[in-house]
Amino acid sequence: MRITVFGATGGVGQEIVRQGLTDGHWVTAVVRDPARLTVTGDGLDVVRSDLTAPEEVRAAVAGRGAVFSALGPRSRKDGDVTARLTRAVLIAMAAEDVRRLLVVSASPLAAAPPGEPLSDRLMGAVVNRVFRYAYDDLRLMEAALAASSADWTAVRPPRLLDGPVTGRYRSTVGGNPPSARSIRRADVAHAMLALIDDRSTVGRAVGVAE
């Protein structure tokens, strides 16, 4: 399948590119700075774009079977950057009649699972307060997804860790797995690629965790 990855120089984005190539996909990596992309291989096309030129975004998604977004804010100064750039991707996909979109979101956007320990709830409240700027941005992004015509899935990981892919993680459609504390970036990418053809997750959020 021909796929496009936005935010391809981040930790999850690079893993989507790497694993996508390993799975035999033809991958277009859209980046602001190609020097930050460490993945190489046959079947990889690197496109430089800051997503402000609509024709560039349309060209990057045209004819693709699926689009992936690992876009996200780097600091408080980025404001609603994830929502703004995701809207640009959604507009381009609609113009090119490309339907499938899988994005990285975050587990704090989901309601706490029934019976979650008090310690986990308290920790979640602290994390929400500290990273409110990022989660507010992601909420706007998910609202844009819900208002679109795309066949979207939002994958919501908790704290992200480095390390090689294991393929061993839990997932919950419409919520978070119990005691969802962390997951490897590589496993988030693995989960997203595994959901490409899963129609049961279209228009849904999927929580993932170790």
C-alpha atoms as a PDB file:
ATOM      1  CA  MET A   1       0.000   0.000   0.000  1.00  0.00           C
ATOM      2  CA  ARG A   2       1.109   3.572  -0.599  1.00  0.00           C
ATOM      3  CA  ILE A   3       0.998   5.496   2.664  1.00  0.00           C
ATOM      4  CA  THR A   4       1.945   9.006   3.777  1.00  0.00           C
ATOM      5  CA  VAL A   5       3.317   9.923   7.199  1.00  0.00           C
ATOM      6  CA  PHE A   6       3.088  13.467   8.546  1.00  0.00           C
ATOM      7  CA  GLY A   7       5.285  14.321  11.516  1.00  0.00           C
ATOM      8  CA  ALA A   8       7.718  11.703  10.254  1.00  0.00           C
ATOM      9  CA  THR A   9      10.762  12.986  12.177  1.00  0.00           C
ATOM     10  CA  GLY A  10       9.238  12.497  15.628  1.00  0.00           C
ATOM     11  CA  GLY A  11       9.654   9.372  17.707  1.00  0.00           C
ATOM     12  CA  VAL A  12       6.385   7.729  16.671  1.00  0.00           C
ATOM     13  CA  GLY A  13       6.546   9.115  13.136  1.00  0.00           C
ATOM     14  CA  GLN A  14       9.959   7.638  12.405  1.00  0.00           C
ATOM     15  CA  GLU A  15       8.759   4.276  13.714  1.00  0.00           C
ATOM     16  CA  ILE A  16       5.726   4.374  11.414  1.00  0.00           C
ATOM     17  CA  VAL A  17       8.055   5.042   8.491  1.00  0.00           C
ATOM     18  CA  ARG A  18      10.518   2.317   9.523  1.00  0.00           C
ATOM     19  CA  GLN A  19       7.927  -0.354  10.218  1.00  0.00           C
ATOM     20  CA  GLY A  20       5.861   0.634   7.204  1.00  0.00           C
ATOM     21  CA  LEU A  21       8.837   0.007   4.952  1.00  0.00           C
ATOM     22  CA  THR A  22       9.508  -3.310   6.694  1.00  0.00           C
ATOM     23  CA  ASP A  23       5.872  -4.299   6.096  1.00  0.00           C
ATOM     24  CA  GLY A  24       6.327  -3.666   2.380  1.00  0.00           C
ATOM     25  CA  HIS A  25       4.484  -0.337   2.096  1.00  0.00           C
ATOM     26  CA  TRP A  26       5.604   2.486  -0.164  1.00  0.00           C
ATOM     27  CA  VAL A  27       6.085   5.342   2.278  1.00  0.00           C
ATOM     28  CA  THR A  28       6.032   9.096   1.728  1.00  0.00           C
ATOM     29  CA  ALA A  29       7.517  10.899   4.738  1.00  0.00           C
ATOM     30  CA  VAL A  30       6.499  14.560   4.992  1.00  0.00           C
ATOM     31  CA  VAL A  31       8.998  16.555   7.069  1.00  0.00           C
ATOM     32  CA  ARG A  32      10.073  20.123   7.721  1.00  0.00           C
ATOM     33  CA  ASP A  33      13.744  19.161   8.030  1.00  0.00           C
ATOM     34  CA  PRO A  34      14.842  16.081   6.039  1.00  0.00           C
ATOM     35  CA  ALA A  35      18.111  15.956   8.002  1.00  0.00           C
ATOM     36  CA  ARG A  36      16.172  14.887  11.085  1.00  0.00           C
ATOM     37  CA  LEU A  37      14.804  11.764   9.382  1.00  0.00           C
ATOM     38  CA  THR A  38      17.176   8.901  10.144  1.00  0.00           C
ATOM     39  CA  VAL A  39      15.207   6.168   8.363  1.00  0.00           C
ATOM     40  CA  THR A  40      16.317   5.108   4.894  1.00  0.00           C
ATOM     41  CA  GLY A  41      15.322   2.346   2.514  1.00  0.00           C
ATOM     42  CA  ASP A  42      13.850   1.346  -0.790  1.00  0.00           C
ATOM     43  CA  GLY A  43      10.285   2.509  -1.162  1.00  0.00           C
ATOM     44  CA  LEU A  44      10.836   5.718   0.846  1.00  0.00           C
ATOM     45  CA  ASP A  45      10.071   9.130  -0.619  1.00  0.00           C
ATOM     46  CA  VAL A  46      10.909  12.173   1.509  1.00  0.00           C
ATOM     47  CA  VAL A  47       8.915  15.368   0.932  1.00  0.00           C
ATOM     48  CA  ARG A  48       9.882  18.657   2.543  1.00  0.00           C
ATOM     49  CA  SER A  49       6.873  20.729   3.599  1.00  0.00           C
ATOM     50  CA  ASP A  50       5.651  22.788   6.566  1.00  0.00           C
ATOM     51  CA  LEU A  51       2.042  22.053   5.504  1.00  0.00           C
ATOM     52  CA  THR A  52       1.256  25.710   4.817  1.00  0.00           C
ATOM     53  CA  ALA A  53       1.048  25.232   1.035  1.00  0.00           C
ATOM     54  CA  PRO A  54      -2.214  23.397   0.170  1.00  0.00           C
ATOM     55  CA  GLU A  55      -0.884  22.111  -3.161  1.00  0.00           C
ATOM     56  CA  GLU A  56       2.060  20.455  -1.400  1.00  0.00           C
ATOM     57  CA  VAL A  57      -0.207  18.693   1.066  1.00  0.00           C
ATOM     58  CA  ARG A  58      -2.535  17.523  -1.698  1.00  0.00           C
ATOM     59  CA  ALA A  59       0.381  16.121  -3.673  1.00  0.00           C
ATOM     60  CA  ALA A  60       1.605  14.281  -0.567  1.00  0.00           C
ATOM     61  CA  VAL A  61      -1.716  12.458  -0.024  1.00  0.00           C
ATOM     62  CA  ALA A  62      -2.901  11.944  -3.610  1.00  0.00           C
ATOM     63  CA  GLY A  63      -3.398   8.283  -4.483  1.00  0.00           C
ATOM     64  CA  ARG A  64      -2.535   6.994  -1.008  1.00  0.00           C
ATOM     65  CA  GLY A  65      -4.308   4.083   0.610  1.00  0.00           C
ATOM     66  CA  ALA A  66      -3.823   5.533   4.082  1.00  0.00           C
ATOM     67  CA  VAL A  67      -2.439   8.632   5.752  1.00  0.00           C
ATOM     68  CA  PHE A  68      -0.753   8.702   9.169  1.00  0.00           C
ATOM     69  CA  SER A  69      -0.205  11.713  11.397  1.00  0.00           C
ATOM     70  CA  ALA A  70       2.253  11.835  14.273  1.00  0.00           C
ATOM     71  CA  LEU A  71       2.027  15.626  14.454  1.00  0.00           C
ATOM     72  CA  GLY A  72       2.186  17.226  17.874  1.00  0.00           C
ATOM     73  CA  PRO A  73       3.271  20.346  19.769  1.00  0.00           C
ATOM     74  CA  ARG A  74       6.869  20.668  20.922  1.00  0.00           C
ATOM     75  CA  SER A  75       6.198  23.376  23.506  1.00  0.00           C
ATOM     76  CA  ARG A  76       3.531  25.692  24.876  1.00  0.00           C
ATOM     77  CA  LYS A  77       4.481  28.220  22.199  1.00  0.00           C
ATOM     78  CA  ASP A  78       3.070  25.920  19.484  1.00  0.00           C
ATOM     79  CA  GLY A  79      -0.513  26.628  20.566  1.00  0.00           C
ATOM     80  CA  ASP A  80      -3.023  24.701  18.459  1.00  0.00           C
ATOM     81  CA  VAL A  81      -0.432  23.526  15.922  1.00  0.00           C
ATOM     82  CA  THR A  82      -1.656  19.905  15.855  1.00  0.00           C
ATOM     83  CA  ALA A  83      -5.258  20.901  15.196  1.00  0.00           C
ATOM     84  CA  ARG A  84      -4.278  23.461  12.540  1.00  0.00           C
ATOM     85  CA  LEU A  85      -1.997  21.116  10.630  1.00  0.00           C
ATOM     86  CA  THR A  86      -4.454  18.227  10.909  1.00  0.00           C
ATOM     87  CA  ARG A  87      -7.160  20.417   9.379  1.00  0.00           C
ATOM     88  CA  ALA A  88      -4.800  21.098   6.455  1.00  0.00           C
ATOM     89  CA  VAL A  89      -4.330  17.350   6.005  1.00  0.00           C
ATOM     90  CA  LEU A  90      -8.083  16.715   6.187  1.00  0.00           C
ATOM     91  CA  ILE A  91      -8.782  19.377   3.540  1.00  0.00           C
ATOM     92  CA  ALA A  92      -6.147  17.867   1.242  1.00  0.00           C
ATOM     93  CA  MET A  93      -7.501  14.343   1.741  1.00  0.00           C
ATOM     94  CA  ALA A  94     -11.049  15.436   0.955  1.00  0.00           C
ATOM     95  CA  ALA A  95      -9.864  17.201  -2.189  1.00  0.00           C
ATOM     96  CA  GLU A  96      -8.030  14.056  -3.329  1.00  0.00           C
ATOM     97  CA  ASP A  97     -10.765  11.636  -2.195  1.00  0.00           C
ATOM     98  CA  VAL A  98      -8.396   9.840   0.210  1.00  0.00           C
ATOM     99  CA  ARG A  99     -10.327   8.406   3.131  1.00  0.00           C
ATOM    100  CA  ARG A 100      -8.229   6.535   5.709  1.00  0.00           C
ATOM    101  CA  LEU A 101      -6.467   8.605   8.375  1.00  0.00           C
ATOM    102  CA  LEU A 102      -4.792   7.371  11.543  1.00  0.00           C
ATOM    103  CA  VAL A 103      -3.485   9.916  14.060  1.00  0.00           C
ATOM    104  CA  VAL A 104      -1.618   9.981  17.357  1.00  0.00           C
ATOM    105  CA  SER A 105      -3.602  11.498  20.211  1.00  0.00           C
ATOM    106  CA  ALA A 106      -3.210  10.886  23.972  1.00  0.00           C
ATOM    107  CA  SER A 107      -4.803   8.728  26.664  1.00  0.00           C
ATOM    108  CA  PRO A 108      -5.805  11.626  28.993  1.00  0.00           C
ATOM    109  CA  LEU A 109      -8.502  12.595  26.482  1.00  0.00           C
ATOM    110  CA  ALA A 110     -10.467   9.479  27.447  1.00  0.00           C
ATOM    111  CA  ALA A 111     -12.600   9.062  30.532  1.00  0.00           C
ATOM    112  CA  ALA A 112     -11.051   6.996  33.319  1.00  0.00           C
ATOM    113  CA  PRO A 113     -11.884   3.275  33.070  1.00  0.00           C
ATOM    114  CA  PRO A 114     -14.377   1.959  35.648  1.00  0.00           C
ATOM    115  CA  GLY A 115     -12.644   0.892  38.830  1.00  0.00           C
ATOM    116  CA  GLU A 116      -9.400   2.720  38.085  1.00  0.00           C
ATOM    117  CA  PRO A 117      -7.291   2.980  41.277  1.00  0.00           C
ATOM    118  CA  LEU A 118      -7.339   6.334  43.066  1.00  0.00           C
ATOM    119  CA  SER A 119      -3.563   6.647  42.625  1.00  0.00           C
ATOM    120  CA  ASP A 120      -3.974   6.428  38.849  1.00  0.00           C
ATOM    121  CA  ARG A 121      -6.761   9.019  38.896  1.00  0.00           C
ATOM    122  CA  LEU A 122      -4.630  11.425  40.940  1.00  0.00           C
ATOM    123  CA  MET A 123      -1.654  10.944  38.661  1.00  0.00           C
ATOM    124  CA  GLY A 124      -3.891  11.526  35.654  1.00  0.00           C
ATOM    125  CA  ALA A 125      -5.134  14.794  37.133  1.00  0.00           C
ATOM    126  CA  VAL A 126      -1.563  16.001  37.644  1.00  0.00           C
ATOM    127  CA  VAL A 127      -0.535  15.063  34.103  1.00  0.00           C
ATOM    128  CA  ASN A 128      -3.608  16.775  32.674  1.00  0.00           C
ATOM    129  CA  ARG A 129      -2.775  19.978  34.515  1.00  0.00           C
ATOM    130  CA  VAL A 130       0.904  20.022  33.520  1.00  0.00           C
ATOM    131  CA  PHE A 131       0.316  19.229  29.850  1.00  0.00           C
ATOM    132  CA  ARG A 132      -3.009  20.976  29.427  1.00  0.00           C
ATOM    133  CA  TYR A 133      -1.689  23.006  26.479  1.00  0.00           C
ATOM    134  CA  ALA A 134      -0.978  19.813  24.538  1.00  0.00           C
ATOM    135  CA  TYR A 135      -4.223  18.057  25.438  1.00  0.00           C
ATOM    136  CA  ASP A 136      -6.333  21.101  24.573  1.00  0.00           C
ATOM    137  CA  ASP A 137      -4.660  21.070  21.158  1.00  0.00           C
ATOM    138  CA  LEU A 138      -5.410  17.360  20.735  1.00  0.00           C
ATOM    139  CA  ARG A 139      -9.046  17.876  21.743  1.00  0.00           C
ATOM    140  CA  LEU A 140      -9.362  20.456  18.977  1.00  0.00           C
ATOM    141  CA  MET A 141      -7.734  17.985  16.601  1.00  0.00           C
ATOM    142  CA  GLU A 142     -10.161  15.214  17.517  1.00  0.00           C
ATOM    143  CA  ALA A 143     -13.073  17.627  17.090  1.00  0.00           C
ATOM    144  CA  ALA A 144     -11.808  18.381  13.578  1.00  0.00           C
ATOM    145  CA  LEU A 145     -11.647  14.657  12.868  1.00  0.00           C
ATOM    146  CA  ALA A 146     -15.212  14.152  14.075  1.00  0.00           C
ATOM    147  CA  ALA A 147     -16.438  16.966  11.830  1.00  0.00           C
ATOM    148  CA  SER A 148     -14.662  15.590   8.757  1.00  0.00           C
ATOM    149  CA  SER A 149     -15.640  13.017   6.152  1.00  0.00           C
ATOM    150  CA  ALA A 150     -12.451  11.001   6.708  1.00  0.00           C
ATOM    151  CA  ASP A 151     -12.383   7.395   7.906  1.00  0.00           C
ATOM    152  CA  TRP A 152     -10.280   8.348  10.921  1.00  0.00           C
ATOM    153  CA  THR A 153      -8.934   6.538  13.949  1.00  0.00           C
ATOM    154  CA  ALA A 154      -7.250   8.337  16.852  1.00  0.00           C
ATOM    155  CA  VAL A 155      -4.740   6.193  18.740  1.00  0.00           C
ATOM    156  CA  ARG A 156      -4.336   7.383  22.335  1.00  0.00           C
ATOM    157  CA  PRO A 157      -1.128   6.308  24.099  1.00  0.00           C
ATOM    158  CA  PRO A 158      -0.088   7.220  27.658  1.00  0.00           C
ATOM    159  CA  ARG A 159       3.533   8.146  28.529  1.00  0.00           C
ATOM    160  CA  LEU A 160       5.820   7.323  25.608  1.00  0.00           C
ATOM    161  CA  LEU A 161       9.021   5.328  26.038  1.00  0.00           C
ATOM    162  CA  ASP A 162      11.942   4.521  23.772  1.00  0.00           C
ATOM    163  CA  GLY A 163      12.879   0.993  22.809  1.00  0.00           C
ATOM    164  CA  PRO A 164      12.395  -1.540  20.009  1.00  0.00           C
ATOM    165  CA  VAL A 165       8.976  -2.763  18.952  1.00  0.00           C
ATOM    166  CA  THR A 166       7.604  -5.668  21.005  1.00  0.00           C
ATOM    167  CA  GLY A 167       4.131  -6.118  19.535  1.00  0.00           C
ATOM    168  CA  ARG A 168       2.935  -6.801  23.085  1.00  0.00           C
ATOM    169  CA  TYR A 169       0.467  -4.190  24.244  1.00  0.00           C
ATOM    170  CA  ARG A 170      -3.200  -3.807  25.191  1.00  0.00           C
ATOM    171  CA  SER A 171      -5.794  -1.845  23.247  1.00  0.00           C
ATOM    172  CA  THR A 172      -9.309  -0.679  23.998  1.00  0.00           C
ATOM    173  CA  VAL A 173     -11.672   0.808  21.430  1.00  0.00           C
ATOM    174  CA  GLY A 174     -13.481   3.824  22.854  1.00  0.00           C
ATOM    175  CA  GLY A 175     -11.440   4.021  26.046  1.00  0.00           C
ATOM    176  CA  ASN A 176      -8.158   3.215  27.755  1.00  0.00           C
ATOM    177  CA  PRO A 177      -6.875  -0.136  28.995  1.00  0.00           C
ATOM    178  CA  PRO A 178      -6.884  -0.341  32.812  1.00  0.00           C
ATOM    179  CA  SER A 179      -3.815   1.212  34.467  1.00  0.00           C
ATOM    180  CA  ALA A 180      -2.552   2.602  31.176  1.00  0.00           C
ATOM    181  CA  ARG A 181       0.747   4.138  32.264  1.00  0.00           C
ATOM    182  CA  SER A 182       3.200   3.813  29.382  1.00  0.00           C
ATOM    183  CA  ILE A 183       3.970   2.295  25.998  1.00  0.00           C
ATOM    184  CA  ARG A 184       6.912   2.281  23.617  1.00  0.00           C
ATOM    185  CA  ARG A 185       6.784   4.646  20.674  1.00  0.00           C
ATOM    186  CA  ALA A 186       7.597   1.701  18.438  1.00  0.00           C
ATOM    187  CA  ASP A 187       4.544  -0.180  19.713  1.00  0.00           C
ATOM    188  CA  VAL A 188       2.296   2.833  19.098  1.00  0.00           C
ATOM    189  CA  ALA A 189       3.489   2.790  15.482  1.00  0.00           C
ATOM    190  CA  HIS A 190       2.904  -0.974  15.340  1.00  0.00           C
ATOM    191  CA  ALA A 191      -0.655  -0.533  16.629  1.00  0.00           C
ATOM    192  CA  MET A 192      -1.411   2.207  14.094  1.00  0.00           C
ATOM    193  CA  LEU A 193      -0.158   0.168  11.153  1.00  0.00           C
ATOM    194  CA  ALA A 194      -2.146  -2.845  12.368  1.00  0.00           C
ATOM    195  CA  LEU A 195      -5.340  -0.771  12.313  1.00  0.00           C
ATOM    196  CA  ILE A 196      -5.150   0.314   8.676  1.00  0.00           C
ATOM    197  CA  ASP A 197      -7.833  -2.133   7.542  1.00  0.00           C
ATOM    198  CA  ASP A 198      -9.737  -2.415  10.836  1.00  0.00           C
ATOM    199  CA  ARG A 199     -13.129  -0.924  10.006  1.00  0.00           C
ATOM    200  CA  SER A 200     -14.346  -1.377  13.580  1.00  0.00           C
ATOM    201  CA  THR A 201     -12.094   1.527  14.633  1.00  0.00           C
ATOM    202  CA  VAL A 202     -13.265   4.033  11.993  1.00  0.00           C
ATOM    203  CA  GLY A 203     -14.555   7.152  13.715  1.00  0.00           C
ATOM    204  CA  ARG A 204     -13.300   5.878  17.058  1.00  0.00           C
ATOM    205  CA  ALA A 205     -10.466   6.481  19.496  1.00  0.00           C
ATOM    206  CA  VAL A 206      -8.342   3.510  20.526  1.00  0.00           C
ATOM    207  CA  GLY A 207      -6.410   3.497  23.796  1.00  0.00           C
ATOM    208  CA  VAL A 208      -3.130   1.573  23.799  1.00  0.00           C
ATOM    209  CA  ALA A 209      -0.770   0.700  26.657  1.00  0.00           C
ATOM    210  CA  GLU A 210       1.729  -1.905  27.812  1.00  0.00           C
END
